[in-house]
């Protein structure tokens, strides 16, 4: 017996239904476009290219697609731990996070409708602040001095 099809699950983010246009394809476009820019960037390129061997980039991109899929689509595809690799980079500072956020912002505003770009940026801003706090704590620095980066200052 067939019965009715299962109802589609509505994903709610910050109390609002997720825009239907946001899908795995859009996430892949954002991730690949963003990391293309990262790899060419004068400040961030040497860090990323030093930490990720050329042959490992496809795996890294797949992992980042899974991360953003899990973060925004609630897909459950990501099962990694994103913080430890960042803790291992002694040179990582606020200027790096600012550049990361600025490049990410440019990418999502170029590739996504405004409501989706806002979702991506909201998560990126939260992630950046969380990582900055964890890095400061790990280094024995006073985390009270770590202020959130404000998008308007990028």
C-alpha atoms as a PDB file:
ATOM      1  CA  UNK A   1       0.000   0.000   0.000  1.00  0.00           C
ATOM      2  CA  UNK A   2       1.390   3.380  -0.998  1.00  0.00           C
ATOM      3  CA  UNK A   3      -0.310   5.981   1.136  1.00  0.00           C
ATOM      4  CA  UNK A   4       0.524   9.664   1.114  1.00  0.00           C
ATOM      5  CA  UNK A   5       4.039  10.911   0.460  1.00  0.00           C
ATOM      6  CA  UNK A   6       5.946  11.981   3.532  1.00  0.00           C
ATOM      7  CA  UNK A   7       5.627  15.700   4.185  1.00  0.00           C
ATOM      8  CA  UNK A   8       8.684  17.723   3.369  1.00  0.00           C
ATOM      9  CA  UNK A   9      10.574  18.870   6.405  1.00  0.00           C
ATOM     10  CA  UNK A  10      10.704  22.646   6.790  1.00  0.00           C
ATOM     11  CA  UNK A  11      14.057  23.859   8.038  1.00  0.00           C
ATOM     12  CA  UNK A  12      13.751  26.816  10.385  1.00  0.00           C
ATOM     13  CA  UNK A  13      16.737  29.061  11.037  1.00  0.00           C
ATOM     14  CA  UNK A  14      16.478  31.868  13.576  1.00  0.00           C
ATOM     15  CA  UNK A  15      12.708  31.443  13.675  1.00  0.00           C
ATOM     16  CA  UNK A  16      12.266  31.759   9.887  1.00  0.00           C
ATOM     17  CA  UNK A  17      11.851  29.068   7.241  1.00  0.00           C
ATOM     18  CA  UNK A  18      15.022  28.522   5.235  1.00  0.00           C
ATOM     19  CA  UNK A  19      14.792  30.038   1.745  1.00  0.00           C
ATOM     20  CA  UNK A  20      14.040  27.279  -0.770  1.00  0.00           C
ATOM     21  CA  UNK A  21      16.723  28.554  -3.129  1.00  0.00           C
ATOM     22  CA  UNK A  22      19.431  27.568  -0.621  1.00  0.00           C
ATOM     23  CA  UNK A  23      20.505  24.067  -1.540  1.00  0.00           C
ATOM     24  CA  UNK A  24      23.597  21.877  -1.806  1.00  0.00           C
ATOM     25  CA  UNK A  25      24.439  23.351  -5.207  1.00  0.00           C
ATOM     26  CA  UNK A  26      24.461  26.908  -3.871  1.00  0.00           C
ATOM     27  CA  UNK A  27      26.571  25.843  -0.901  1.00  0.00           C
ATOM     28  CA  UNK A  28      29.081  24.180  -3.236  1.00  0.00           C
ATOM     29  CA  UNK A  29      29.246  27.331  -5.379  1.00  0.00           C
ATOM     30  CA  UNK A  30      29.905  29.486  -2.320  1.00  0.00           C
ATOM     31  CA  UNK A  31      32.518  27.130  -0.861  1.00  0.00           C
ATOM     32  CA  UNK A  32      34.409  26.675  -4.132  1.00  0.00           C
ATOM     33  CA  UNK A  33      34.210  30.353  -5.078  1.00  0.00           C
ATOM     34  CA  UNK A  34      35.330  31.451  -1.627  1.00  0.00           C
ATOM     35  CA  UNK A  35      38.294  29.104  -1.412  1.00  0.00           C
ATOM     36  CA  UNK A  36      39.367  30.053  -4.945  1.00  0.00           C
ATOM     37  CA  UNK A  37      39.711  33.601  -3.589  1.00  0.00           C
ATOM     38  CA  UNK A  38      41.363  32.466  -0.345  1.00  0.00           C
ATOM     39  CA  UNK A  39      44.054  30.536  -2.204  1.00  0.00           C
ATOM     40  CA  UNK A  40      44.967  33.648  -4.246  1.00  0.00           C
ATOM     41  CA  UNK A  41      44.860  36.082  -1.326  1.00  0.00           C
ATOM     42  CA  UNK A  42      48.162  37.666  -0.243  1.00  0.00           C
ATOM     43  CA  UNK A  43      47.399  37.355   3.480  1.00  0.00           C
ATOM     44  CA  UNK A  44      45.406  34.115   3.699  1.00  0.00           C
ATOM     45  CA  UNK A  45      46.734  32.189   0.706  1.00  0.00           C
ATOM     46  CA  UNK A  46      50.098  31.343   2.286  1.00  0.00           C
ATOM     47  CA  UNK A  47      48.400  30.092   5.467  1.00  0.00           C
ATOM     48  CA  UNK A  48      45.841  27.890   3.712  1.00  0.00           C
ATOM     49  CA  UNK A  49      48.234  26.690   1.026  1.00  0.00           C
ATOM     50  CA  UNK A  50      50.825  25.933   3.706  1.00  0.00           C
ATOM     51  CA  UNK A  51      48.350  23.904   5.757  1.00  0.00           C
ATOM     52  CA  UNK A  52      46.595  22.110   2.882  1.00  0.00           C
ATOM     53  CA  UNK A  53      48.676  20.252   0.298  1.00  0.00           C
ATOM     54  CA  UNK A  54      47.574  20.711  -3.341  1.00  0.00           C
ATOM     55  CA  UNK A  55      46.343  17.120  -3.589  1.00  0.00           C
ATOM     56  CA  UNK A  56      44.289  17.573  -0.377  1.00  0.00           C
ATOM     57  CA  UNK A  57      42.243  20.540  -1.602  1.00  0.00           C
ATOM     58  CA  UNK A  58      39.418  18.442  -3.123  1.00  0.00           C
ATOM     59  CA  UNK A  59      38.950  16.659   0.215  1.00  0.00           C
ATOM     60  CA  UNK A  60      39.046  19.970   2.103  1.00  0.00           C
ATOM     61  CA  UNK A  61      36.448  21.489  -0.212  1.00  0.00           C
ATOM     62  CA  UNK A  62      34.191  18.448   0.212  1.00  0.00           C
ATOM     63  CA  UNK A  63      34.569  18.763   3.976  1.00  0.00           C
ATOM     64  CA  UNK A  64      33.705  22.483   3.880  1.00  0.00           C
ATOM     65  CA  UNK A  65      30.651  21.783   1.708  1.00  0.00           C
ATOM     66  CA  UNK A  66      29.551  19.205   4.277  1.00  0.00           C
ATOM     67  CA  UNK A  67      30.183  21.709   7.100  1.00  0.00           C
ATOM     68  CA  UNK A  68      28.038  24.430   5.518  1.00  0.00           C
ATOM     69  CA  UNK A  69      25.378  21.887   4.548  1.00  0.00           C
ATOM     70  CA  UNK A  70      25.151  20.750   8.154  1.00  0.00           C
ATOM     71  CA  UNK A  71      25.236  24.342   9.427  1.00  0.00           C
ATOM     72  CA  UNK A  72      22.560  25.794   7.156  1.00  0.00           C
ATOM     73  CA  UNK A  73      20.552  22.855   5.802  1.00  0.00           C
ATOM     74  CA  UNK A  74      20.774  20.754   8.976  1.00  0.00           C
ATOM     75  CA  UNK A  75      21.855  17.837   6.767  1.00  0.00           C
ATOM     76  CA  UNK A  76      24.049  16.133   9.366  1.00  0.00           C
ATOM     77  CA  UNK A  77      26.727  15.637   6.692  1.00  0.00           C
ATOM     78  CA  UNK A  78      29.610  17.077   8.729  1.00  0.00           C
ATOM     79  CA  UNK A  79      31.164  15.059  11.515  1.00  0.00           C
ATOM     80  CA  UNK A  80      34.498  16.792  11.954  1.00  0.00           C
ATOM     81  CA  UNK A  81      35.995  19.148  14.488  1.00  0.00           C
ATOM     82  CA  UNK A  82      36.783  22.467  12.797  1.00  0.00           C
ATOM     83  CA  UNK A  83      38.562  24.194  15.670  1.00  0.00           C
ATOM     84  CA  UNK A  84      41.715  22.087  16.303  1.00  0.00           C
ATOM     85  CA  UNK A  85      43.394  22.825  12.934  1.00  0.00           C
ATOM     86  CA  UNK A  86      42.946  26.543  13.582  1.00  0.00           C
ATOM     87  CA  UNK A  87      44.419  26.271  17.074  1.00  0.00           C
ATOM     88  CA  UNK A  88      47.573  24.838  15.494  1.00  0.00           C
ATOM     89  CA  UNK A  89      48.230  28.052  13.524  1.00  0.00           C
ATOM     90  CA  UNK A  90      50.270  30.350  15.797  1.00  0.00           C
ATOM     91  CA  UNK A  91      50.118  33.292  13.394  1.00  0.00           C
ATOM     92  CA  UNK A  92      46.320  33.404  13.207  1.00  0.00           C
ATOM     93  CA  UNK A  93      45.021  36.771  14.427  1.00  0.00           C
ATOM     94  CA  UNK A  94      42.194  39.252  14.077  1.00  0.00           C
ATOM     95  CA  UNK A  95      43.487  40.561  10.738  1.00  0.00           C
ATOM     96  CA  UNK A  96      43.207  37.041   9.298  1.00  0.00           C
ATOM     97  CA  UNK A  97      39.638  36.647  10.500  1.00  0.00           C
ATOM     98  CA  UNK A  98      38.756  40.086   9.136  1.00  0.00           C
ATOM     99  CA  UNK A  99      40.125  39.172   5.716  1.00  0.00           C
ATOM    100  CA  UNK A 100      38.411  35.754   5.841  1.00  0.00           C
ATOM    101  CA  UNK A 101      35.098  37.438   6.641  1.00  0.00           C
ATOM    102  CA  UNK A 102      35.560  40.145   3.992  1.00  0.00           C
ATOM    103  CA  UNK A 103      36.279  37.563   1.284  1.00  0.00           C
ATOM    104  CA  UNK A 104      33.404  35.393   2.474  1.00  0.00           C
ATOM    105  CA  UNK A 105      31.083  38.384   2.465  1.00  0.00           C
ATOM    106  CA  UNK A 106      32.083  39.325  -1.086  1.00  0.00           C
ATOM    107  CA  UNK A 107      31.516  35.738  -2.227  1.00  0.00           C
ATOM    108  CA  UNK A 108      28.068  35.283  -0.690  1.00  0.00           C
ATOM    109  CA  UNK A 109      26.903  38.707  -1.873  1.00  0.00           C
ATOM    110  CA  UNK A 110      28.036  37.851  -5.406  1.00  0.00           C
ATOM    111  CA  UNK A 111      26.545  34.351  -5.536  1.00  0.00           C
ATOM    112  CA  UNK A 112      23.480  34.383  -3.284  1.00  0.00           C
ATOM    113  CA  UNK A 113      20.197  36.241  -3.021  1.00  0.00           C
ATOM    114  CA  UNK A 114      20.283  38.802  -0.194  1.00  0.00           C
ATOM    115  CA  UNK A 115      18.326  36.682   2.318  1.00  0.00           C
ATOM    116  CA  UNK A 116      20.671  33.727   1.813  1.00  0.00           C
ATOM    117  CA  UNK A 117      23.767  35.954   1.986  1.00  0.00           C
ATOM    118  CA  UNK A 118      22.513  37.202   5.365  1.00  0.00           C
ATOM    119  CA  UNK A 119      22.183  33.617   6.636  1.00  0.00           C
ATOM    120  CA  UNK A 120      25.697  32.718   5.506  1.00  0.00           C
ATOM    121  CA  UNK A 121      27.173  35.880   7.019  1.00  0.00           C
ATOM    122  CA  UNK A 122      25.341  35.482  10.308  1.00  0.00           C
ATOM    123  CA  UNK A 123      26.829  32.016  10.730  1.00  0.00           C
ATOM    124  CA  UNK A 124      30.273  33.104   9.512  1.00  0.00           C
ATOM    125  CA  UNK A 125      30.359  36.005  11.985  1.00  0.00           C
ATOM    126  CA  UNK A 126      29.382  33.710  14.865  1.00  0.00           C
ATOM    127  CA  UNK A 127      31.932  31.083  13.845  1.00  0.00           C
ATOM    128  CA  UNK A 128      34.705  33.676  13.524  1.00  0.00           C
ATOM    129  CA  UNK A 129      33.987  35.061  16.991  1.00  0.00           C
ATOM    130  CA  UNK A 130      33.796  31.598  18.525  1.00  0.00           C
ATOM    131  CA  UNK A 131      37.127  30.633  16.937  1.00  0.00           C
ATOM    132  CA  UNK A 132      38.773  33.887  18.033  1.00  0.00           C
ATOM    133  CA  UNK A 133      37.619  33.293  21.613  1.00  0.00           C
ATOM    134  CA  UNK A 134      38.880  29.703  21.563  1.00  0.00           C
ATOM    135  CA  UNK A 135      42.238  30.732  20.104  1.00  0.00           C
ATOM    136  CA  UNK A 136      42.673  33.472  22.708  1.00  0.00           C
ATOM    137  CA  UNK A 137      41.755  31.063  25.504  1.00  0.00           C
ATOM    138  CA  UNK A 138      44.123  28.421  24.122  1.00  0.00           C
ATOM    139  CA  UNK A 139      46.945  30.984  24.059  1.00  0.00           C
ATOM    140  CA  UNK A 140      46.251  32.052  27.641  1.00  0.00           C
ATOM    141  CA  UNK A 141      45.013  35.481  26.559  1.00  0.00           C
ATOM    142  CA  UNK A 142      42.209  37.406  28.232  1.00  0.00           C
ATOM    143  CA  UNK A 143      39.090  36.471  26.247  1.00  0.00           C
ATOM    144  CA  UNK A 144      37.213  39.478  27.650  1.00  0.00           C
ATOM    145  CA  UNK A 145      39.373  41.595  25.350  1.00  0.00           C
ATOM    146  CA  UNK A 146      38.174  39.712  22.258  1.00  0.00           C
ATOM    147  CA  UNK A 147      35.387  41.809  20.816  1.00  0.00           C
ATOM    148  CA  UNK A 148      33.168  40.539  17.997  1.00  0.00           C
ATOM    149  CA  UNK A 149      34.062  41.752  14.539  1.00  0.00           C
ATOM    150  CA  UNK A 150      31.186  43.842  13.225  1.00  0.00           C
ATOM    151  CA  UNK A 151      30.257  43.183   9.606  1.00  0.00           C
ATOM    152  CA  UNK A 152      29.987  46.899   8.817  1.00  0.00           C
ATOM    153  CA  UNK A 153      33.693  47.297   9.665  1.00  0.00           C
ATOM    154  CA  UNK A 154      34.902  44.780   7.107  1.00  0.00           C
END
